[in-house]
Amino acid sequence: MEERLRQIVWEKRKWLIGKGNDLLPAAKGVICDIDVGNARPVAQRVRKISPQFREKLADLIRGLLSARMIRASKSPWASPIVVIVKKNGVDIRLCVDYRLVNGLTQLMVYPMPLVTDLLEDLDKYRWYCSLDMASGFWVVPMTDRARLISAFVTPFGLFEWLRMPFGLCNAPQIYQRLIDNALYGFWKLSPTENTRDVFKDGIPSKPGA
């Protein structure tokens, strides 16, 4: 078993992040869409950012632009940002307040794993593996309309996401489905001829699939 695990890790080494700033390419076979029906665009005003965070926020935005995670936007939508200080008391995290957008979004129905079921299943196995999906949401690409609706306003301009951000109400379900598809055949169901590798299948599925 240990040798097999080593072989798998070696074969998939290109998917492993070696540095914190490295980003994986977009996953295939999954996409994030935001369905707000016929709702009119909601544009909120920019929120005040404390002076001590402005330069750090500018650096963070420049990094996201450089990594092609976001781009400048002309969207009629605009959600405000919230700056959160990380536990080290120095670095910051950029969060977008999508509460109004989420209130207009059609919810995706997909089962999330129950903690009790996971704990019960752990008792059946001898080997355990813990994987840290670094910035996992950011491997999911966005549809054109989702990009527009994801637009967020900052003191430095309006931007929109090219990859799925945190804060969208359907993001956890979309990502869980991505993980379930990737692990299909290794979990509770046996692999079939219809099994797809979401990182290799070049045919995009329906939103959230």
Foldseek 3Di string as FASTA:
>chain_A
DVVVVVVVCVVCVVVDDDDLLDDDAAWAQAAAEWPLDPDDADADDEDDDPPVCVVLVVVVVVSCVVVQFKDADPFPHAFYWDWAQDPVRPHIDIGTACPVSQVRTDEDDDDDDDPVVVVVVVVVDDDDDDDDCRVVQQNHAYDPVQQRNQWYQYPVHIMGGRTGDPDHNHSVQLSVVLVCLCCVCVPDHHDDPPRDHRRPDNDHDPHSD
